[in-house]
N, C-alpha and C. Protein backbone atom coordinates (compact mmCIF):
# COMPACT_ATOMS: atom_id res chain seq x y z
N MET A 1 -10.63 -2.48 28.23
CA MET A 1 -11.52 -1.84 27.26
C MET A 1 -10.71 -1.36 26.06
N THR A 2 -11.21 -1.61 24.89
CA THR A 2 -10.55 -1.22 23.66
C THR A 2 -10.91 0.22 23.33
N ALA A 3 -9.89 0.98 22.95
CA ALA A 3 -10.12 2.37 22.56
C ALA A 3 -10.93 2.41 21.27
N PRO A 4 -11.76 3.43 21.10
CA PRO A 4 -12.50 3.55 19.84
C PRO A 4 -11.54 3.79 18.69
N LEU A 5 -11.97 3.44 17.51
CA LEU A 5 -11.15 3.62 16.32
C LEU A 5 -10.95 5.10 16.05
N ARG A 6 -9.70 5.50 15.90
CA ARG A 6 -9.38 6.90 15.62
C ARG A 6 -9.98 7.32 14.29
N ARG A 7 -10.25 8.62 14.19
CA ARG A 7 -10.83 9.17 12.96
C ARG A 7 -9.93 8.88 11.76
N GLU A 8 -8.63 9.03 11.92
CA GLU A 8 -7.71 8.80 10.81
C GLU A 8 -7.77 7.33 10.36
N ALA A 9 -7.97 6.42 11.28
CA ALA A 9 -8.07 5.01 10.91
C ALA A 9 -9.41 4.72 10.23
N LYS A 10 -10.45 5.46 10.59
CA LYS A 10 -11.73 5.33 9.89
C LYS A 10 -11.58 5.75 8.43
N PHE A 11 -10.84 6.85 8.21
CA PHE A 11 -10.58 7.29 6.83
C PHE A 11 -9.76 6.25 6.07
N LEU A 12 -8.77 5.68 6.76
CA LEU A 12 -7.94 4.65 6.14
C LEU A 12 -8.80 3.45 5.75
N ALA A 13 -9.65 3.01 6.65
CA ALA A 13 -10.52 1.87 6.36
C ALA A 13 -11.46 2.18 5.20
N THR A 14 -12.01 3.38 5.17
CA THR A 14 -12.89 3.79 4.07
C THR A 14 -12.13 3.80 2.75
N GLY A 15 -10.91 4.35 2.78
CA GLY A 15 -10.09 4.38 1.57
C GLY A 15 -9.73 2.99 1.08
N PHE A 16 -9.37 2.11 2.01
CA PHE A 16 -9.06 0.73 1.63
C PHE A 16 -10.28 0.03 1.04
N LEU A 17 -11.43 0.26 1.62
CA LEU A 17 -12.64 -0.37 1.12
C LEU A 17 -12.93 0.10 -0.31
N ALA A 18 -12.83 1.40 -0.54
CA ALA A 18 -13.09 1.94 -1.88
C ALA A 18 -12.04 1.45 -2.87
N SER A 19 -10.78 1.57 -2.51
CA SER A 19 -9.71 1.16 -3.40
C SER A 19 -9.75 -0.34 -3.67
N GLY A 20 -9.98 -1.12 -2.62
CA GLY A 20 -10.05 -2.57 -2.79
C GLY A 20 -11.18 -2.98 -3.71
N THR A 21 -12.29 -2.28 -3.62
CA THR A 21 -13.42 -2.56 -4.51
C THR A 21 -13.05 -2.27 -5.96
N VAL A 22 -12.37 -1.17 -6.19
CA VAL A 22 -11.94 -0.85 -7.56
C VAL A 22 -10.95 -1.91 -8.06
N HIS A 23 -10.07 -2.39 -7.18
CA HIS A 23 -9.14 -3.45 -7.57
C HIS A 23 -9.89 -4.67 -8.10
N LEU A 24 -11.01 -4.99 -7.47
CA LEU A 24 -11.76 -6.18 -7.86
C LEU A 24 -12.66 -5.95 -9.07
N VAL A 25 -13.25 -4.77 -9.15
CA VAL A 25 -14.22 -4.48 -10.21
C VAL A 25 -13.54 -4.00 -11.49
N ARG A 26 -12.48 -3.21 -11.35
CA ARG A 26 -11.78 -2.64 -12.51
C ARG A 26 -10.26 -2.79 -12.36
N PRO A 27 -9.74 -4.01 -12.36
CA PRO A 27 -8.31 -4.20 -12.15
C PRO A 27 -7.44 -3.52 -13.20
N ASP A 28 -8.00 -3.29 -14.39
CA ASP A 28 -7.24 -2.63 -15.45
C ASP A 28 -6.80 -1.22 -15.07
N VAL A 29 -7.51 -0.58 -14.13
CA VAL A 29 -7.14 0.76 -13.68
C VAL A 29 -5.74 0.75 -13.07
N TRP A 30 -5.39 -0.34 -12.41
CA TRP A 30 -4.14 -0.41 -11.67
C TRP A 30 -2.98 -0.99 -12.48
N GLU A 31 -3.25 -1.60 -13.63
CA GLU A 31 -2.18 -2.25 -14.39
C GLU A 31 -1.04 -1.32 -14.77
N PRO A 32 -1.30 -0.05 -15.14
CA PRO A 32 -0.17 0.83 -15.47
C PRO A 32 0.77 1.11 -14.30
N LEU A 33 0.31 0.88 -13.07
CA LEU A 33 1.15 1.12 -11.90
C LEU A 33 2.10 -0.05 -11.61
N MET A 34 1.87 -1.16 -12.22
CA MET A 34 2.63 -2.36 -11.89
C MET A 34 4.04 -2.31 -12.49
N PRO A 35 5.05 -2.43 -11.65
CA PRO A 35 6.42 -2.51 -12.18
C PRO A 35 6.58 -3.78 -13.01
N ASP A 36 7.43 -3.71 -14.02
CA ASP A 36 7.62 -4.85 -14.92
C ASP A 36 8.10 -6.10 -14.19
N TRP A 37 8.87 -5.92 -13.12
CA TRP A 37 9.45 -7.07 -12.44
C TRP A 37 8.45 -7.83 -11.58
N VAL A 38 7.25 -7.27 -11.38
CA VAL A 38 6.22 -7.97 -10.60
C VAL A 38 5.53 -8.98 -11.52
N PRO A 39 5.52 -10.26 -11.13
CA PRO A 39 4.86 -11.27 -11.98
C PRO A 39 3.35 -11.23 -11.82
N MET A 40 2.65 -11.80 -12.79
CA MET A 40 1.20 -11.99 -12.72
C MET A 40 0.45 -10.73 -12.27
N HIS A 41 0.58 -9.68 -13.05
CA HIS A 41 0.01 -8.38 -12.68
C HIS A 41 -1.46 -8.47 -12.25
N ARG A 42 -2.28 -9.08 -13.06
CA ARG A 42 -3.72 -9.12 -12.78
C ARG A 42 -3.99 -9.81 -11.43
N GLU A 43 -3.32 -10.92 -11.19
CA GLU A 43 -3.52 -11.66 -9.94
C GLU A 43 -3.06 -10.85 -8.73
N VAL A 44 -1.94 -10.17 -8.86
CA VAL A 44 -1.44 -9.33 -7.77
C VAL A 44 -2.42 -8.20 -7.48
N ILE A 45 -2.98 -7.62 -8.52
CA ILE A 45 -3.96 -6.54 -8.35
C ILE A 45 -5.20 -7.05 -7.63
N ILE A 46 -5.70 -8.19 -8.07
CA ILE A 46 -6.90 -8.76 -7.43
C ILE A 46 -6.62 -9.07 -5.96
N TRP A 47 -5.51 -9.74 -5.69
CA TRP A 47 -5.21 -10.12 -4.30
C TRP A 47 -4.90 -8.91 -3.43
N SER A 48 -4.32 -7.87 -4.01
CA SER A 48 -4.09 -6.66 -3.20
C SER A 48 -5.43 -5.99 -2.88
N GLY A 49 -6.40 -6.09 -3.77
CA GLY A 49 -7.74 -5.57 -3.48
C GLY A 49 -8.40 -6.36 -2.36
N VAL A 50 -8.25 -7.67 -2.40
CA VAL A 50 -8.78 -8.51 -1.32
C VAL A 50 -8.11 -8.12 0.00
N ALA A 51 -6.79 -7.91 -0.05
CA ALA A 51 -6.04 -7.53 1.16
C ALA A 51 -6.52 -6.18 1.69
N GLU A 52 -6.77 -5.22 0.81
CA GLU A 52 -7.25 -3.92 1.25
C GLU A 52 -8.61 -4.03 1.94
N ILE A 53 -9.50 -4.81 1.36
CA ILE A 53 -10.83 -4.98 1.97
C ILE A 53 -10.71 -5.71 3.30
N ALA A 54 -9.85 -6.71 3.37
CA ALA A 54 -9.64 -7.43 4.63
C ALA A 54 -9.06 -6.50 5.69
N CYS A 55 -8.11 -5.66 5.31
CA CYS A 55 -7.54 -4.71 6.26
C CYS A 55 -8.60 -3.72 6.74
N ALA A 56 -9.42 -3.24 5.82
CA ALA A 56 -10.49 -2.30 6.19
C ALA A 56 -11.43 -2.95 7.21
N ALA A 57 -11.84 -4.16 6.93
CA ALA A 57 -12.74 -4.86 7.85
C ALA A 57 -12.06 -5.11 9.19
N GLY A 58 -10.80 -5.51 9.15
CA GLY A 58 -10.07 -5.78 10.38
C GLY A 58 -9.90 -4.56 11.26
N LEU A 59 -9.73 -3.41 10.64
CA LEU A 59 -9.57 -2.17 11.41
C LEU A 59 -10.84 -1.81 12.18
N LEU A 60 -11.97 -2.23 11.69
CA LEU A 60 -13.24 -1.85 12.30
C LEU A 60 -13.57 -2.62 13.57
N PHE A 61 -12.97 -3.77 13.75
CA PHE A 61 -13.32 -4.63 14.89
C PHE A 61 -12.17 -4.73 15.87
N PRO A 62 -12.41 -4.37 17.13
CA PRO A 62 -11.34 -4.36 18.14
C PRO A 62 -10.52 -5.65 18.23
N PRO A 63 -11.11 -6.85 18.14
CA PRO A 63 -10.28 -8.04 18.28
C PRO A 63 -9.25 -8.22 17.15
N THR A 64 -9.52 -7.63 15.99
CA THR A 64 -8.61 -7.79 14.86
C THR A 64 -7.84 -6.51 14.51
N ARG A 65 -8.07 -5.47 15.27
CA ARG A 65 -7.52 -4.15 14.94
C ARG A 65 -5.99 -4.13 14.95
N LYS A 66 -5.37 -4.77 15.93
CA LYS A 66 -3.90 -4.74 16.02
C LYS A 66 -3.28 -5.40 14.79
N LEU A 67 -3.74 -6.60 14.47
CA LEU A 67 -3.21 -7.30 13.30
C LEU A 67 -3.53 -6.53 12.02
N ALA A 68 -4.75 -6.00 11.92
CA ALA A 68 -5.14 -5.24 10.72
C ALA A 68 -4.32 -3.97 10.57
N GLY A 69 -3.98 -3.32 11.67
CA GLY A 69 -3.14 -2.13 11.60
C GLY A 69 -1.76 -2.45 11.06
N LEU A 70 -1.17 -3.53 11.57
CA LEU A 70 0.15 -3.94 11.08
C LEU A 70 0.08 -4.40 9.63
N ALA A 71 -0.96 -5.14 9.29
CA ALA A 71 -1.13 -5.60 7.90
C ALA A 71 -1.34 -4.41 6.97
N SER A 72 -2.08 -3.42 7.43
CA SER A 72 -2.33 -2.21 6.63
C SER A 72 -1.02 -1.46 6.36
N ALA A 73 -0.20 -1.34 7.39
CA ALA A 73 1.10 -0.67 7.22
C ALA A 73 1.96 -1.44 6.22
N ALA A 74 1.98 -2.76 6.33
CA ALA A 74 2.76 -3.58 5.39
C ALA A 74 2.22 -3.44 3.96
N LEU A 75 0.92 -3.42 3.82
CA LEU A 75 0.31 -3.27 2.50
C LEU A 75 0.66 -1.92 1.89
N LEU A 76 0.58 -0.87 2.69
CA LEU A 76 0.94 0.47 2.19
C LEU A 76 2.40 0.53 1.77
N ALA A 77 3.27 -0.10 2.53
CA ALA A 77 4.69 -0.13 2.17
C ALA A 77 4.88 -0.88 0.85
N GLY A 78 4.14 -1.97 0.69
CA GLY A 78 4.27 -2.77 -0.53
C GLY A 78 3.78 -2.06 -1.78
N VAL A 79 2.69 -1.32 -1.68
CA VAL A 79 2.14 -0.66 -2.87
C VAL A 79 2.81 0.68 -3.16
N TYR A 80 3.66 1.13 -2.26
CA TYR A 80 4.35 2.40 -2.48
C TYR A 80 5.19 2.36 -3.75
N VAL A 81 5.71 1.19 -4.08
CA VAL A 81 6.48 1.03 -5.32
C VAL A 81 5.64 1.41 -6.53
N GLY A 82 4.38 1.01 -6.53
CA GLY A 82 3.48 1.37 -7.62
C GLY A 82 3.23 2.87 -7.69
N ASN A 83 3.14 3.51 -6.53
CA ASN A 83 2.94 4.95 -6.50
C ASN A 83 4.17 5.69 -7.03
N ILE A 84 5.35 5.19 -6.70
CA ILE A 84 6.59 5.79 -7.24
C ILE A 84 6.63 5.62 -8.75
N LYS A 85 6.29 4.42 -9.24
CA LYS A 85 6.28 4.18 -10.68
C LYS A 85 5.30 5.12 -11.38
N MET A 86 4.14 5.33 -10.77
CA MET A 86 3.15 6.24 -11.34
C MET A 86 3.72 7.65 -11.46
N ALA A 87 4.43 8.10 -10.44
CA ALA A 87 5.02 9.45 -10.46
C ALA A 87 6.12 9.54 -11.53
N VAL A 88 6.96 8.53 -11.62
CA VAL A 88 8.03 8.54 -12.62
C VAL A 88 7.42 8.55 -14.03
N ASP A 89 6.43 7.71 -14.26
CA ASP A 89 5.77 7.67 -15.57
C ASP A 89 5.09 9.02 -15.87
N ALA A 90 4.45 9.61 -14.88
CA ALA A 90 3.77 10.89 -15.09
C ALA A 90 4.76 12.00 -15.40
N SER A 91 5.96 11.91 -14.85
CA SER A 91 6.95 12.96 -15.10
C SER A 91 7.35 13.01 -16.57
N LYS A 92 7.13 11.94 -17.30
CA LYS A 92 7.46 11.88 -18.73
C LYS A 92 6.31 12.36 -19.61
N SER A 93 5.21 12.73 -18.97
CA SER A 93 4.00 13.14 -19.68
C SER A 93 3.89 14.66 -19.70
N ASP A 94 3.10 15.16 -20.64
CA ASP A 94 2.77 16.59 -20.68
C ASP A 94 1.48 16.89 -19.92
N ASN A 95 0.90 15.87 -19.33
CA ASN A 95 -0.38 15.98 -18.63
C ASN A 95 -0.15 16.51 -17.21
N LEU A 96 -0.33 17.81 -17.02
CA LEU A 96 -0.07 18.42 -15.72
C LEU A 96 -0.98 17.87 -14.61
N PRO A 97 -2.29 17.70 -14.83
CA PRO A 97 -3.13 17.13 -13.76
C PRO A 97 -2.66 15.73 -13.34
N LEU A 98 -2.21 14.93 -14.30
CA LEU A 98 -1.69 13.60 -13.97
C LEU A 98 -0.43 13.72 -13.11
N LYS A 99 0.46 14.64 -13.47
CA LYS A 99 1.67 14.85 -12.68
C LYS A 99 1.34 15.27 -11.25
N VAL A 100 0.41 16.21 -11.13
CA VAL A 100 0.01 16.70 -9.79
C VAL A 100 -0.58 15.55 -8.97
N ALA A 101 -1.45 14.77 -9.58
CA ALA A 101 -2.07 13.65 -8.86
C ALA A 101 -1.02 12.60 -8.48
N ALA A 102 -0.14 12.28 -9.41
CA ALA A 102 0.86 11.24 -9.16
C ALA A 102 1.83 11.64 -8.06
N TYR A 103 2.32 12.85 -8.12
CA TYR A 103 3.26 13.30 -7.08
C TYR A 103 2.53 13.65 -5.79
N GLY A 104 1.28 14.06 -5.88
CA GLY A 104 0.51 14.36 -4.68
C GLY A 104 0.20 13.13 -3.85
N ARG A 105 0.14 11.98 -4.50
CA ARG A 105 -0.13 10.72 -3.78
C ARG A 105 1.02 10.32 -2.88
N LEU A 106 2.24 10.63 -3.29
CA LEU A 106 3.41 10.13 -2.56
C LEU A 106 3.44 10.58 -1.09
N PRO A 107 3.30 11.86 -0.79
CA PRO A 107 3.33 12.24 0.62
C PRO A 107 2.09 11.81 1.40
N LEU A 108 0.99 11.52 0.71
CA LEU A 108 -0.22 11.07 1.41
C LEU A 108 -0.03 9.68 2.03
N GLN A 109 0.90 8.91 1.48
CA GLN A 109 1.15 7.58 2.03
C GLN A 109 1.67 7.65 3.47
N LEU A 110 2.42 8.69 3.80
CA LEU A 110 3.02 8.78 5.13
C LEU A 110 1.97 8.89 6.24
N PRO A 111 0.99 9.80 6.15
CA PRO A 111 -0.04 9.81 7.19
C PRO A 111 -0.90 8.55 7.20
N MET A 112 -1.08 7.94 6.04
CA MET A 112 -1.82 6.69 5.99
C MET A 112 -1.05 5.59 6.72
N PHE A 113 0.24 5.54 6.50
CA PHE A 113 1.10 4.56 7.16
C PHE A 113 1.06 4.78 8.68
N ARG A 114 1.17 6.03 9.08
CA ARG A 114 1.11 6.35 10.51
C ARG A 114 -0.25 5.97 11.11
N ALA A 115 -1.32 6.24 10.39
CA ALA A 115 -2.65 5.88 10.87
C ALA A 115 -2.78 4.37 11.04
N ALA A 116 -2.20 3.62 10.12
CA ALA A 116 -2.25 2.16 10.23
C ALA A 116 -1.50 1.68 11.46
N LEU A 117 -0.32 2.21 11.69
CA LEU A 117 0.46 1.81 12.86
C LEU A 117 -0.25 2.21 14.15
N ARG A 118 -0.81 3.39 14.17
CA ARG A 118 -1.52 3.85 15.38
C ARG A 118 -2.77 3.01 15.63
N ALA A 119 -3.46 2.64 14.59
CA ALA A 119 -4.65 1.80 14.75
C ALA A 119 -4.25 0.44 15.33
N GLY A 120 -3.09 -0.04 14.90
CA GLY A 120 -2.60 -1.32 15.40
C GLY A 120 -2.23 -1.28 16.88
N ARG A 121 -1.97 -0.09 17.39
CA ARG A 121 -1.62 0.05 18.81
C ARG A 121 -2.83 0.32 19.69
N SER A 122 -3.98 0.62 19.06
CA SER A 122 -5.15 0.97 19.89
C SER A 122 -5.88 -0.28 20.36
């Protein structure tokens, strides 16, 4: 019998679904986060949105949960570079709310990463 999806993984799936949708509908929102060395920014943004939605869907179904948990953890590790870039860019700004949001995102990745790994083990 497969264990029910943990509450933290439900939040992760919901977040991936929302974020992935924004990636597809408004990819320009994410372009400032893209490091210069990443090629084809728009395409990477679109495909990362598709990956987020696929991970969200995979987390919801027991037969795909293990793979989706591991894929979610890999995706979070991959996009962390963009979150770091956002924080570095915000540090050069006078916009305090932007700085708080940018730096506040960084530690949130850790429980999300843990939730993805735990979902993959359930």
